[in-house]
C-alpha atoms as a PDB file:
ATOM      1  CA  MET A   1       0.062  -0.001  -0.083  1.00  0.00           C
ATOM      2  CA  THR A   2       1.065   3.422  -0.738  1.00  0.00           C
ATOM      3  CA  LEU A   3       0.714   6.385   1.434  1.00  0.00           C
ATOM      4  CA  LYS A   4      -0.722   9.236  -0.433  1.00  0.00           C
ATOM      5  CA  PHE A   5      -0.897  12.516   1.081  1.00  0.00           C
ATOM      6  CA  LEU A   6      -0.874  16.457   0.223  1.00  0.00           C
ATOM      7  CA  VAL A   7       0.887  19.104   2.174  1.00  0.00           C
ATOM      8  CA  MET A   8      -0.042  22.766   1.833  1.00  0.00           C
ATOM      9  CA  SER A   9       1.602  25.597   3.502  1.00  0.00           C
ATOM     10  CA  ASP A  10       1.673  29.207   3.596  1.00  0.00           C
ATOM     11  CA  LEU A  11      -1.899  30.023   3.214  1.00  0.00           C
ATOM     12  CA  HIS A  12      -1.724  33.448   5.262  1.00  0.00           C
ATOM     13  CA  LEU A  13      -5.508  33.667   5.513  1.00  0.00           C
ATOM     14  CA  VAL A  14      -6.918  36.971   6.861  1.00  0.00           C
ATOM     15  CA  PRO A  15     -10.146  37.904   8.202  1.00  0.00           C
ATOM     16  CA  GLU A  16     -13.021  38.360   5.693  1.00  0.00           C
ATOM     17  CA  GLY A  17     -12.899  41.637   3.557  1.00  0.00           C
ATOM     18  CA  ALA A  18      -9.018  41.787   3.963  1.00  0.00           C
ATOM     19  CA  LEU A  19      -6.093  40.901   1.522  1.00  0.00           C
ATOM     20  CA  SER A  20      -2.780  39.530   2.033  1.00  0.00           C
ATOM     21  CA  MET A  21      -0.174  41.166  -0.063  1.00  0.00           C
ATOM     22  CA  THR A  22      -3.244  42.066  -2.617  1.00  0.00           C
ATOM     23  CA  LEU A  23      -4.290  38.424  -2.819  1.00  0.00           C
ATOM     24  CA  ASP A  24      -7.562  36.860  -1.593  1.00  0.00           C
ATOM     25  CA  THR A  25      -6.084  34.161   0.052  1.00  0.00           C
ATOM     26  CA  ALA A  26      -9.417  32.496   1.108  1.00  0.00           C
ATOM     27  CA  ALA A  27     -10.544  32.400  -2.432  1.00  0.00           C
ATOM     28  CA  ARG A  28      -7.112  30.354  -3.303  1.00  0.00           C
ATOM     29  CA  LEU A  29      -7.719  27.971  -0.421  1.00  0.00           C
ATOM     30  CA  GLU A  30     -11.212  27.282  -1.585  1.00  0.00           C
ATOM     31  CA  GLN A  31     -10.201  26.625  -5.099  1.00  0.00           C
ATOM     32  CA  ALA A  32      -7.400  24.212  -3.973  1.00  0.00           C
ATOM     33  CA  VAL A  33      -9.964  22.431  -1.696  1.00  0.00           C
ATOM     34  CA  ALA A  34     -12.315  22.081  -4.604  1.00  0.00           C
ATOM     35  CA  THR A  35      -9.386  20.511  -6.567  1.00  0.00           C
ATOM     36  CA  VAL A  36      -8.314  18.116  -3.912  1.00  0.00           C
ATOM     37  CA  ASN A  37     -12.045  17.074  -3.438  1.00  0.00           C
ATOM     38  CA  ASP A  38     -12.204  16.564  -7.119  1.00  0.00           C
ATOM     39  CA  ARG A  39      -8.692  15.126  -8.131  1.00  0.00           C
ATOM     40  CA  TYR A  40      -7.148  13.530  -4.847  1.00  0.00           C
ATOM     41  CA  ALA A  41     -10.289  12.427  -2.745  1.00  0.00           C
ATOM     42  CA  ASP A  42      -8.472   8.941  -2.711  1.00  0.00           C
ATOM     43  CA  PHE A  43      -5.518  10.507  -0.847  1.00  0.00           C
ATOM     44  CA  ASP A  44      -5.081   9.366   3.040  1.00  0.00           C
ATOM     45  CA  PHE A  45      -4.749  12.991   4.321  1.00  0.00           C
ATOM     46  CA  CYS A  46      -3.843  16.585   3.871  1.00  0.00           C
ATOM     47  CA  ILE A  47      -1.020  18.413   5.983  1.00  0.00           C
ATOM     48  CA  LEU A  48      -1.641  22.117   6.745  1.00  0.00           C
ATOM     49  CA  ALA A  49       2.168  22.958   7.329  1.00  0.00           C
ATOM     50  CA  GLY A  50       2.253  26.486   8.743  1.00  0.00           C
ATOM     51  CA  ASP A  51       1.807  30.083   7.992  1.00  0.00           C
ATOM     52  CA  LEU A  52      -2.101  29.374   8.422  1.00  0.00           C
ATOM     53  CA  ALA A  53      -3.075  32.896   9.140  1.00  0.00           C
ATOM     54  CA  ASP A  54      -1.155  35.921   7.854  1.00  0.00           C
ATOM     55  CA  LEU A  55      -1.077  37.682  11.148  1.00  0.00           C
ATOM     56  CA  GLY A  56      -2.293  34.972  13.705  1.00  0.00           C
ATOM     57  CA  GLN A  57      -6.029  36.635  13.914  1.00  0.00           C
ATOM     58  CA  ALA A  58      -8.614  34.580  15.520  1.00  0.00           C
ATOM     59  CA  ASP A  59     -10.992  35.430  12.630  1.00  0.00           C
ATOM     60  CA  ALA A  60      -8.503  34.075  10.138  1.00  0.00           C
ATOM     61  CA  TYR A  61      -8.460  30.696  11.995  1.00  0.00           C
ATOM     62  CA  ARG A  62     -12.351  30.927  12.212  1.00  0.00           C
ATOM     63  CA  ARG A  63     -12.188  31.220   8.357  1.00  0.00           C
ATOM     64  CA  LEU A  64      -9.716  28.475   7.873  1.00  0.00           C
ATOM     65  CA  GLN A  65     -12.095  26.234   9.886  1.00  0.00           C
ATOM     66  CA  GLN A  66     -14.894  26.871   7.597  1.00  0.00           C
ATOM     67  CA  ILE A  67     -13.034  26.222   4.570  1.00  0.00           C
ATOM     68  CA  ILE A  68     -11.034  23.064   5.590  1.00  0.00           C
ATOM     69  CA  GLU A  69     -14.300  21.517   6.959  1.00  0.00           C
ATOM     70  CA  LYS A  70     -15.115  21.082   3.057  1.00  0.00           C
ATOM     71  CA  LEU A  71     -12.310  18.623   2.543  1.00  0.00           C
ATOM     72  CA  ALA A  72     -13.243  15.212   1.787  1.00  0.00           C
ATOM     73  CA  ILE A  73      -9.838  13.782   3.310  1.00  0.00           C
ATOM     74  CA  PRO A  74      -8.626  14.333   6.836  1.00  0.00           C
ATOM     75  CA  VAL A  75      -6.744  17.020   7.871  1.00  0.00           C
ATOM     76  CA  HIS A  76      -3.492  17.466  10.229  1.00  0.00           C
ATOM     77  CA  ILE A  77      -2.142  20.809  11.149  1.00  0.00           C
ATOM     78  CA  THR A  78       1.019  22.489  12.240  1.00  0.00           C
ATOM     79  CA  LEU A  79       2.041  26.296  12.741  1.00  0.00           C
ATOM     80  CA  GLY A  80       4.603  28.677  11.246  1.00  0.00           C
ATOM     81  CA  ASN A  81       6.036  31.777  12.048  1.00  0.00           C
ATOM     82  CA  HIS A  82       2.970  34.068  11.070  1.00  0.00           C
ATOM     83  CA  ASP A  83       0.935  32.044  13.411  1.00  0.00           C
ATOM     84  CA  ASP A  84      -0.285  32.604  16.719  1.00  0.00           C
ATOM     85  CA  ARG A  85      -0.223  29.435  19.024  1.00  0.00           C
ATOM     86  CA  PRO A  86      -2.545  30.835  21.890  1.00  0.00           C
ATOM     87  CA  THR A  87      -4.948  32.084  19.564  1.00  0.00           C
ATOM     88  CA  PHE A  88      -5.022  28.920  17.302  1.00  0.00           C
ATOM     89  CA  LEU A  89      -5.699  26.813  20.452  1.00  0.00           C
ATOM     90  CA  ASP A  90      -8.409  29.088  21.326  1.00  0.00           C
ATOM     91  CA  VAL A  91     -10.025  28.570  17.947  1.00  0.00           C
ATOM     92  CA  PHE A  92      -9.216  24.960  17.254  1.00  0.00           C
ATOM     93  CA  GLY A  93      -9.298  23.550  20.754  1.00  0.00           C
ATOM     94  CA  ALA A  94      -6.327  22.842  23.402  1.00  0.00           C
ATOM     95  CA  GLU A  95      -6.076  19.298  22.328  1.00  0.00           C
ATOM     96  CA  HIS A  96      -4.030  20.259  19.053  1.00  0.00           C
ATOM     97  CA  ALA A  97      -1.050  20.846  21.441  1.00  0.00           C
ATOM     98  CA  THR A  98       0.933  17.905  22.752  1.00  0.00           C
ATOM     99  CA  GLU A  99       2.832  17.437  25.779  1.00  0.00           C
ATOM    100  CA  THR A 100       5.133  19.866  24.422  1.00  0.00           C
ATOM    101  CA  GLY A 101       2.751  22.836  24.437  1.00  0.00           C
ATOM    102  CA  ASN A 102       3.346  23.123  20.676  1.00  0.00           C
ATOM    103  CA  ILE A 103       1.360  21.658  17.800  1.00  0.00           C
ATOM    104  CA  ASP A 104       3.357  18.523  17.124  1.00  0.00           C
ATOM    105  CA  LYS A 105       1.751  15.545  15.794  1.00  0.00           C
ATOM    106  CA  VAL A 106       2.198  11.903  14.937  1.00  0.00           C
ATOM    107  CA  ILE A 107       0.398  10.231  12.141  1.00  0.00           C
ATOM    108  CA  ASP A 108       0.950   6.623  11.466  1.00  0.00           C
ATOM    109  CA  ALA A 109      -0.456   5.064   8.240  1.00  0.00           C
ATOM    110  CA  LYS A 110       0.121   2.639   5.653  1.00  0.00           C
ATOM    111  CA  GLY A 111       3.631   1.429   7.471  1.00  0.00           C
ATOM    112  CA  TYR A 112       4.947   4.863   7.653  1.00  0.00           C
ATOM    113  CA  ARG A 113       5.139   7.326  10.603  1.00  0.00           C
ATOM    114  CA  VAL A 114       4.539  11.200   9.734  1.00  0.00           C
ATOM    115  CA  ILE A 115       5.867  13.630  12.531  1.00  0.00           C
ATOM    116  CA  LEU A 116       4.321  17.217  12.217  1.00  0.00           C
ATOM    117  CA  ILE A 117       6.590  19.496  14.526  1.00  0.00           C
ATOM    118  CA  ASN A 118       6.079  23.068  15.210  1.00  0.00           C
ATOM    119  CA  SER A 119       8.990  25.072  15.262  1.00  0.00           C
ATOM    120  CA  SER A 120       7.454  28.664  15.316  1.00  0.00           C
ATOM    121  CA  GLU A 121       8.298  30.613  18.348  1.00  0.00           C
ATOM    122  CA  PRO A 122       6.585  33.881  19.241  1.00  0.00           C
ATOM    123  CA  GLY A 123       8.410  36.970  18.167  1.00  0.00           C
ATOM    124  CA  ARG A 124      10.836  35.213  16.226  1.00  0.00           C
ATOM    125  CA  VAL A 125      10.885  34.911  12.435  1.00  0.00           C
ATOM    126  CA  ASP A 126      13.378  31.519  12.434  1.00  0.00           C
ATOM    127  CA  GLY A 127      12.339  28.095  13.716  1.00  0.00           C
ATOM    128  CA  VAL A 128      13.346  26.915  17.095  1.00  0.00           C
ATOM    129  CA  LEU A 129      12.835  23.482  18.843  1.00  0.00           C
ATOM    130  CA  THR A 130      12.623  23.722  22.579  1.00  0.00           C
ATOM    131  CA  GLN A 131      14.510  20.921  24.511  1.00  0.00           C
ATOM    132  CA  GLY A 132      11.185  19.445  25.270  1.00  0.00           C
ATOM    133  CA  GLN A 133      10.503  18.908  21.573  1.00  0.00           C
ATOM    134  CA  ILE A 134      13.737  17.610  20.861  1.00  0.00           C
ATOM    135  CA  ASP A 135      13.254  14.949  23.342  1.00  0.00           C
ATOM    136  CA  TRP A 136       9.605  14.285  22.137  1.00  0.00           C
ATOM    137  CA  LEU A 137      10.926  13.929  18.427  1.00  0.00           C
ATOM    138  CA  ARG A 138      13.742  11.565  19.582  1.00  0.00           C
ATOM    139  CA  ALA A 139      11.231   9.356  21.297  1.00  0.00           C
ATOM    140  CA  ARG A 140       8.823   9.375  18.409  1.00  0.00           C
ATOM    141  CA  LEU A 141      11.635   8.652  15.988  1.00  0.00           C
ATOM    142  CA  ALA A 142      12.912   5.933  18.376  1.00  0.00           C
ATOM    143  CA  GLU A 143       9.431   4.180  18.054  1.00  0.00           C
ATOM    144  CA  ALA A 144       9.624   3.954  14.547  1.00  0.00           C
ATOM    145  CA  MET A 145      12.784   2.319  13.754  1.00  0.00           C
ATOM    146  CA  ASP A 146      11.153  -0.349  11.659  1.00  0.00           C
ATOM    147  CA  ARG A 147       9.369   1.898   9.331  1.00  0.00           C
ATOM    148  CA  PRO A 148      10.045   5.011   6.965  1.00  0.00           C
ATOM    149  CA  VAL A 149       9.513   8.566   8.627  1.00  0.00           C
ATOM    150  CA  ILE A 150       8.889  11.662   7.079  1.00  0.00           C
ATOM    151  CA  VAL A 151       9.083  14.859   9.286  1.00  0.00           C
ATOM    152  CA  VAL A 152       7.111  18.005   8.379  1.00  0.00           C
END
């Protein structure tokens, strides 16, 4: 069995009525969702790999929720440097955070392990992993010594 998944990143959604760098990013995401549903509905899942909201606003995350609810395949999420973790968790729910406090996740599917790790840190544009995340990542990798691993 082959694992089939999509990765989307840098969505940069903004609240309704706003544009990001002159672009209607929500309209573009709507088009992407329609394309996924039309052409890739047999895929195992979709990963949203950060920069979901342009400025981390709650209204942008709520807009994201409304759009991705239309996806015909499961969605897994992590954050990027434009995202605001506390605001994301307020909108999407605290269950999206792991014991690291970040939006890190393990997906085991079809003999693969896919690890999502959130390297965003408030106030920084570069990525950083805390010691807790590094320990978490090491443990998740050690659990998967018998299969291929993909880290996003």
